[in-house]
Each structure stands twice: as C-alpha cells, then as structure tokens.
C-alpha cells in the first residue's frame, strides 16, 4: 500500500494532486489547520505545521510511505518578500526530518521557477544558474538543497519546480484570472502592454506531473512547465475573445514594471523524457476550461 502524507492539500495545487493520487491508488492523509474536511477518499488531519511535536506524533500514527509537501505562504503579492518564507523553510526541514525518522521512503516537495536566474530566459535544471532575486526564491532554493542532501540511504527525494500555473481555483490577482474576473463583472480588464513571455501550464497537467514525480524515484529538481513561451498579450486577448468581451480589454492601461524579465520559460525535457509526462491541455483548451469553471462558480454563488 502506498500511503501518502500531503501538506497543502486544500490549496490550488493540492486539489489537483489529490485527484491524481486517488487515481494512482494512494491511501491519502492530508493536513488542515481548520476543521477536517469531508471526503470519502482523503483522510484529513487537523494539525498546525508550525508545531513539530504534533507533526511528529501524527507521522508516527499514520506511518506514510510517501510525503508530498505543498504547503507554503502563497498570498498574492506579499509572498515574494514575506518573512514567513523563513518560517516555512524551518517547518519544511523539520517535516523532512520527522518523515525520515518515521521510516518514510519518498519525499517530493514543490519549489518555484523563482529559484532560477531569470536573466537567462530559458530555465534548465542542470545548465541554468540558480540566483533567486526574492526572499521567496531563496527560501525555496534552500529547502531544495536540504532535501537533495537527504537523498540516499533508503530515502528518495525529488523537487518539483513550478512555473506559471493557471486554471479553476486560481487567484483572481494572477493571469488569466485578472481578465476573467473583470470581464465576468462586465468591467474593463486593465493590463500592461503584455510583451513579456511566460510559461503557462494548466493546473490539472501540473497535478499529474507532480504526482508522477512522487510515484517515481527521480531525484533532484524537475521543471513542471509547458515548455512553451506565451506572450501575456496573447493570453489576455485569447481570454477576452473566448468570453466575447474583447472590447473591454484595456492593453497598456497598467504600466509594466521595469524589473520584469522579458522571457521566463522552462525546459521540460526531463519531465517528458524521464517521466513520460504529456500535457493534456493546449492553451486554448485550458482557457476554455478555466472560463467555464469560473462561470459555474459565479452562478453557484448567485444561486
């Protein structure tokens, strides 16, 4: 029996991973700080990850074979510089140690493309330098280094570097949520000139990639990305046209930050070649799915 202990399971990335873990036959134990959620397929445990003793005793009871660590501070805007990043670094290291001491066999945690030197444009796990420019990126990189040092002697570890994820449940403060939420309210969607190119990946494809990595023995960092660079202007325009409100899109209404890198795209050859992962969503399909889910959520709120 593959028994997985999941942190951050109720979040944007976590929800996508739980469905894939179920499909792969894992017995799932997930943590929450609030009241345990109702689920026939996931056993929820109310625990504070900031309390090492509580985490240690819970791991001893559950005896998981796998650990999927997704939890981290993620409030849009503030997470880049938040001191909480250092708290999450400490919590992550303590969690890794406690899992290992309980006899766990495989750990995968999520990192970020923010660990890379973005001046290179294209990011590869081996050839691209890691020079994060934010506290968030530095804390993630430190956690990755610690986890990689633990690999071996009966413990297998992997690190999923996430790029720009979108899909149902994503924040309204990120693309394409900024455009979708505004247009659904019949309000103008204010955007920058959108010349930057980014690597966007649908959340369900990301969930499958992360769980594929967990269900393998692949060590070290693995980019979780589409491998394709999309101009933000094209993303915004496609979104507005699919909604049928292109006239409400305001390109150039928001100034672009001078520090914005022109290109951030991942090389996903390791994900494809070593894990056999293939994306199921094209950008157009992913946007249609996201828009439909947003509309359904809006209707449900109004009902």
Protein backbone atom coordinates (compact mmCIF):
# COMPACT_ATOMS: atom_id res chain seq x y z
CA UNK A 1 0.00 0.00 0.00
CA UNK A 2 1.29 3.44 -0.96
CA UNK A 3 0.31 5.78 1.88
CA UNK A 4 0.96 9.49 1.25
CA UNK A 5 1.05 12.37 3.73
CA UNK A 6 0.07 15.61 1.98
CA UNK A 7 0.53 19.17 3.24
CA UNK A 8 -1.34 21.97 1.49
CA UNK A 9 -3.89 19.53 0.11
CA UNK A 10 -6.77 22.03 0.21
CA UNK A 11 -4.91 24.63 -1.85
CA UNK A 12 -4.86 25.37 -5.57
CA UNK A 13 -2.10 22.86 -6.36
CA UNK A 14 -3.16 20.43 -3.65
CA UNK A 15 -6.66 19.86 -5.01
CA UNK A 16 -5.25 18.90 -8.41
CA UNK A 17 -2.79 16.49 -6.78
CA UNK A 18 -5.40 14.76 -4.58
CA UNK A 19 -7.48 13.63 -7.56
CA UNK A 20 -4.39 12.23 -9.28
CA UNK A 21 -3.22 10.48 -6.10
CA UNK A 22 -6.62 8.81 -5.86
CA UNK A 23 -6.38 7.68 -9.49
CA UNK A 24 -2.99 6.10 -8.75
CA UNK A 25 -4.29 4.14 -5.77
CA UNK A 26 -2.63 6.04 -2.91
CA UNK A 27 -4.09 5.99 0.57
CA UNK A 28 -4.23 9.73 1.23
CA UNK A 29 -3.71 11.54 4.53
CA UNK A 30 -3.83 15.35 4.28
CA UNK A 31 -3.34 18.13 6.79
CA UNK A 32 -5.52 21.15 7.52
CA UNK A 33 -5.35 23.87 10.18
CA UNK A 34 -9.13 24.24 10.21
CA UNK A 35 -11.85 21.70 10.80
CA UNK A 36 -11.21 18.41 8.97
CA UNK A 37 -12.87 18.33 5.56
CA UNK A 38 -15.40 15.72 4.50
CA UNK A 39 -14.03 13.35 1.90
CA UNK A 40 -14.52 9.66 1.18
CA UNK A 41 -11.12 9.38 -0.49
CA UNK A 42 -8.92 11.56 1.74
CA UNK A 43 -8.37 11.29 5.50
CA UNK A 44 -7.95 14.84 6.82
CA UNK A 45 -5.96 15.59 9.97
CA UNK A 46 -6.25 18.88 11.86
CA UNK A 47 -2.71 19.94 12.74
CA UNK A 48 -0.51 23.04 12.79
CA UNK A 49 2.65 22.52 10.71
CA UNK A 50 4.34 25.06 12.95
CA UNK A 51 4.22 22.61 15.87
CA UNK A 52 6.94 19.97 15.26
CA UNK A 53 5.87 17.73 18.17
CA UNK A 54 2.32 17.47 16.81
CA UNK A 55 3.59 16.72 13.30
CA UNK A 56 5.97 14.06 14.62
CA UNK A 57 3.28 12.25 16.58
CA UNK A 58 0.89 12.37 13.63
CA UNK A 59 3.50 10.89 11.31
CA UNK A 60 4.16 8.13 13.80
CA UNK A 61 0.45 7.26 13.82
CA UNK A 62 -0.03 7.42 10.05
CA UNK A 63 3.28 5.76 9.05
CA UNK A 64 3.26 7.15 5.48
CA UNK A 65 5.49 5.73 2.76
CA UNK A 66 5.39 8.99 0.77
CA UNK A 67 5.41 12.69 1.64
CA UNK A 68 4.07 15.36 -0.74
CA UNK A 69 4.88 18.76 0.73
CA UNK A 70 2.92 21.57 -0.95
CA UNK A 71 2.22 23.98 1.91
CA UNK A 72 3.97 27.37 1.90
CA UNK A 73 2.99 31.03 2.24
CA UNK A 74 1.28 31.98 -1.03
CA UNK A 75 -0.68 35.22 -0.54
CA UNK A 76 -0.58 37.01 -3.94
CA UNK A 77 1.80 39.95 -3.97
CA UNK A 78 3.17 39.70 -0.43
CA UNK A 79 4.66 36.18 -0.59
CA UNK A 80 7.70 37.36 -2.58
CA UNK A 81 9.12 39.30 0.37
CA UNK A 82 7.23 37.92 3.38
CA UNK A 83 9.34 36.91 6.42
CA UNK A 84 7.03 33.89 6.62
CA UNK A 85 9.21 32.32 3.93
CA UNK A 86 11.88 31.72 6.58
CA UNK A 87 9.31 30.14 8.90
CA UNK A 88 8.23 27.81 6.09
CA UNK A 89 11.84 26.89 5.41
CA UNK A 90 12.24 25.82 9.04
CA UNK A 91 8.93 23.94 9.02
CA UNK A 92 9.86 22.14 5.81
CA UNK A 93 13.21 20.97 7.13
CA UNK A 94 11.59 19.76 10.35
CA UNK A 95 8.93 17.92 8.35
CA UNK A 96 11.53 16.23 6.14
CA UNK A 97 13.47 15.09 9.20
CA UNK A 98 10.38 13.79 11.02
CA UNK A 99 9.22 11.85 7.95
CA UNK A 100 12.65 10.26 7.54
CA UNK A 101 12.79 9.29 11.22
CA UNK A 102 9.41 7.55 10.85
CA UNK A 103 10.81 5.31 8.12
CA UNK A 104 9.31 7.12 5.12
CA UNK A 105 10.69 6.22 1.70
CA UNK A 106 9.93 9.02 -0.78
CA UNK A 107 9.62 12.82 -0.47
CA UNK A 108 8.60 15.30 -3.16
CA UNK A 109 8.17 18.99 -2.38
CA UNK A 110 7.29 21.92 -4.61
CA UNK A 111 9.67 24.70 -5.48
CA UNK A 112 9.46 27.54 -7.97
CA UNK A 113 10.95 28.89 -11.16
CA UNK A 114 11.82 31.89 -8.93
CA UNK A 115 14.86 29.86 -7.83
CA UNK A 116 16.47 30.43 -11.23
CA UNK A 117 18.47 33.35 -12.62
CA UNK A 118 15.73 34.86 -14.79
CA UNK A 119 18.20 36.80 -16.94
CA UNK A 120 18.82 33.60 -18.92
CA UNK A 121 15.23 33.42 -20.20
CA UNK A 122 15.11 29.65 -20.71
CA UNK A 123 15.43 27.66 -17.46
CA UNK A 124 17.01 24.18 -17.39
CA UNK A 125 17.52 22.16 -14.20
CA UNK A 126 21.22 21.47 -14.87
CA UNK A 127 22.58 24.28 -17.02
CA UNK A 128 20.71 27.34 -15.70
CA UNK A 129 22.24 29.02 -12.61
CA UNK A 130 20.07 29.37 -9.52
CA UNK A 131 20.28 33.01 -8.41
CA UNK A 132 16.91 33.93 -6.89
CA UNK A 133 16.22 37.65 -6.56
CA UNK A 134 13.49 37.34 -3.89
CA UNK A 135 13.28 36.01 -0.35
CA UNK A 136 10.67 33.53 -1.56
CA UNK A 137 13.04 32.15 -4.19
CA UNK A 138 15.98 31.99 -1.79
CA UNK A 139 13.96 30.13 0.86
CA UNK A 140 12.67 27.64 -1.71
CA UNK A 141 16.19 27.06 -3.04
CA UNK A 142 17.49 26.43 0.48
CA UNK A 143 14.73 23.86 1.07
CA UNK A 144 15.58 22.20 -2.24
CA UNK A 145 19.27 21.95 -1.31
CA UNK A 146 18.44 20.42 2.07
CA UNK A 147 16.08 17.89 0.53
CA UNK A 148 18.57 16.90 -2.15
CA UNK A 149 21.22 16.34 0.54
CA UNK A 150 18.84 13.86 2.21
CA UNK A 151 18.57 11.71 -0.92
CA UNK A 152 20.03 8.24 -0.41
CA UNK A 153 20.42 5.67 2.38
CA UNK A 154 16.89 4.36 1.95
CA UNK A 155 15.25 7.75 1.34
CA UNK A 156 14.42 9.04 -2.16
CA UNK A 157 13.74 12.76 -2.73
CA UNK A 158 12.55 14.92 -5.62
CA UNK A 159 11.85 18.62 -6.14
CA UNK A 160 9.11 19.97 -8.46
CA UNK A 161 9.92 23.46 -9.76
CA UNK A 162 6.59 25.04 -10.69
CA UNK A 163 6.26 27.71 -13.36
CA UNK A 164 3.13 29.81 -14.05
CA UNK A 165 0.06 27.74 -13.23
CA UNK A 166 -3.50 28.68 -14.13
CA UNK A 167 -6.89 27.01 -14.08
CA UNK A 168 -10.05 26.67 -11.96
CA UNK A 169 -9.47 27.89 -8.42
CA UNK A 170 -6.51 30.14 -9.22
CA UNK A 171 -6.19 33.60 -7.70
CA UNK A 172 -8.03 36.47 -9.38
CA UNK A 173 -4.84 38.50 -8.98
CA UNK A 174 -2.90 36.33 -11.43
CA UNK A 175 -3.23 35.91 -15.19
CA UNK A 176 -5.62 34.98 -16.69
CA UNK A 177 -7.78 35.37 -13.56
CA UNK A 178 -7.34 39.16 -13.67
CA UNK A 179 -9.00 39.28 -17.08
CA UNK A 180 -11.66 36.61 -16.46
CA UNK A 181 -12.90 38.07 -13.18
CA UNK A 182 -13.12 41.62 -14.55
CA UNK A 183 -14.92 40.64 -17.76
CA UNK A 184 -17.36 38.40 -15.88
CA UNK A 185 -18.35 41.52 -13.93
CA UNK A 186 -18.66 43.47 -17.23
CA UNK A 187 -15.81 45.69 -16.08
CA UNK A 188 -12.74 46.76 -18.07
CA UNK A 189 -9.78 44.40 -17.72
CA UNK A 190 -6.74 46.62 -17.28
CA UNK A 191 -3.45 45.04 -18.41
CA UNK A 192 0.10 46.09 -19.16
CA UNK A 193 1.41 46.10 -22.74
CA UNK A 194 1.83 42.34 -22.30
CA UNK A 195 5.06 41.94 -24.25
CA UNK A 196 6.52 39.62 -21.58
CA UNK A 197 6.52 35.93 -22.41
CA UNK A 198 5.83 33.34 -19.73
CA UNK A 199 5.45 29.57 -19.41
CA UNK A 200 1.80 28.84 -18.51
CA UNK A 201 0.60 25.36 -17.51
CA UNK A 202 -2.92 24.18 -16.68
CA UNK A 203 -3.30 23.11 -13.06
CA UNK A 204 -4.54 19.59 -13.89
CA UNK A 205 -1.47 18.96 -16.05
CA UNK A 206 0.66 20.27 -13.17
CA UNK A 207 -1.06 17.95 -10.70
CA UNK A 208 -0.40 14.93 -12.91
CA UNK A 209 3.24 15.95 -13.28
CA UNK A 210 3.81 16.40 -9.54
CA UNK A 211 2.20 13.06 -8.65
CA UNK A 212 4.11 11.32 -11.45
CA UNK A 213 7.29 12.63 -9.87
CA UNK A 214 6.17 11.43 -6.43
CA UNK A 215 5.34 7.99 -7.84
CA UNK A 216 8.87 7.59 -9.25
CA UNK A 217 12.42 7.52 -7.93
CA UNK A 218 13.59 10.54 -9.94
CA UNK A 219 15.93 12.63 -7.79
CA UNK A 220 16.72 16.33 -7.78
CA UNK A 221 14.82 19.24 -9.36
CA UNK A 222 12.33 18.71 -12.19
CA UNK A 223 10.69 21.60 -14.02
CA UNK A 224 6.88 21.42 -14.03
CA UNK A 225 6.05 23.56 -17.04
CA UNK A 226 4.65 23.54 -20.57
CA UNK A 227 7.98 24.26 -22.24
CA UNK A 228 6.29 26.95 -24.34
CA UNK A 229 6.56 30.73 -24.07
CA UNK A 230 3.27 32.63 -24.40
CA UNK A 231 3.10 36.39 -24.68
CA UNK A 232 0.89 37.78 -21.93
CA UNK A 233 -0.81 39.98 -24.53
CA UNK A 234 -1.82 36.85 -26.47
CA UNK A 235 -3.09 35.18 -23.29
CA UNK A 236 -5.20 38.21 -22.36
CA UNK A 237 -6.54 38.59 -25.90
CA UNK A 238 -7.48 34.91 -26.24
CA UNK A 239 -9.23 35.03 -22.88
CA UNK A 240 -11.24 38.14 -23.75
CA UNK A 241 -12.24 36.73 -27.15
CA UNK A 242 -13.37 33.41 -25.64
CA UNK A 243 -15.54 35.33 -23.16
CA UNK A 244 -16.84 37.52 -26.01
CA UNK A 245 -15.80 40.84 -24.49
CA UNK A 246 -12.69 41.86 -26.39
CA UNK A 247 -13.91 45.48 -26.30
CA UNK A 248 -13.42 45.59 -22.52
CA UNK A 249 -9.74 44.61 -22.67
CA UNK A 250 -7.51 47.62 -21.91
CA UNK A 251 -3.98 46.85 -23.10
CA UNK A 252 -1.38 49.26 -21.75
CA UNK A 253 -3.64 50.63 -19.01
CA UNK A 254 -1.22 49.35 -16.35
CA UNK A 255 2.50 50.23 -16.55
CA UNK A 256 4.94 47.34 -16.82
CA UNK A 257 7.48 47.03 -14.03
CA UNK A 258 10.97 47.96 -15.16
CA UNK A 259 12.34 44.84 -13.47
CA UNK A 260 10.04 42.45 -15.39
CA UNK A 261 12.13 39.89 -17.31
CA UNK A 262 11.09 39.69 -20.98
CA UNK A 263 11.16 35.88 -21.04
CA UNK A 264 10.70 33.11 -18.45
CA UNK A 265 10.16 29.64 -19.90
CA UNK A 266 11.09 26.20 -18.64
CA UNK A 267 12.79 23.31 -20.37
CA UNK A 268 10.53 20.34 -19.63
CA UNK A 269 12.56 17.62 -21.35
CA UNK A 270 13.23 15.87 -18.02
CA UNK A 271 9.52 15.78 -17.22
CA UNK A 272 8.71 14.40 -20.68
CA UNK A 273 11.64 12.06 -21.28
CA UNK A 274 12.23 10.61 -17.81
CA UNK A 275 8.65 10.55 -16.50
CA UNK A 276 6.77 10.13 -19.78
CA UNK A 277 4.52 13.11 -18.99
CA UNK A 278 2.46 14.70 -21.78
CA UNK A 279 0.25 17.77 -21.37
CA UNK A 280 -3.45 17.13 -21.97
CA UNK A 281 -4.48 20.78 -22.28
CA UNK A 282 -3.47 23.16 -25.05
CA UNK A 283 -3.58 26.82 -24.01
CA UNK A 284 -6.90 27.29 -25.82
CA UNK A 285 -8.43 24.21 -24.20
CA UNK A 286 -7.12 25.23 -20.79
CA UNK A 287 -8.56 28.73 -21.08
CA UNK A 288 -11.96 27.38 -22.14
CA UNK A 289 -11.96 25.02 -19.15
CA UNK A 290 -10.95 27.81 -16.77
CA UNK A 291 -13.56 30.26 -18.07
CA UNK A 292 -16.33 27.63 -17.84
CA UNK A 293 -15.36 26.79 -14.24
CA UNK A 294 -15.29 30.50 -13.33
CA UNK A 295 -18.77 30.99 -14.77
CA UNK A 296 -20.13 27.95 -12.93
CA UNK A 297 -18.64 29.22 -9.67
CA UNK A 298 -20.23 32.64 -10.22
CA UNK A 299 -23.64 31.08 -10.92
CA UNK A 300 -23.35 28.91 -7.79
CA UNK A 301 -22.58 31.97 -5.63
CA UNK A 302 -25.61 33.79 -7.00
CA UNK A 303 -27.97 30.83 -6.58
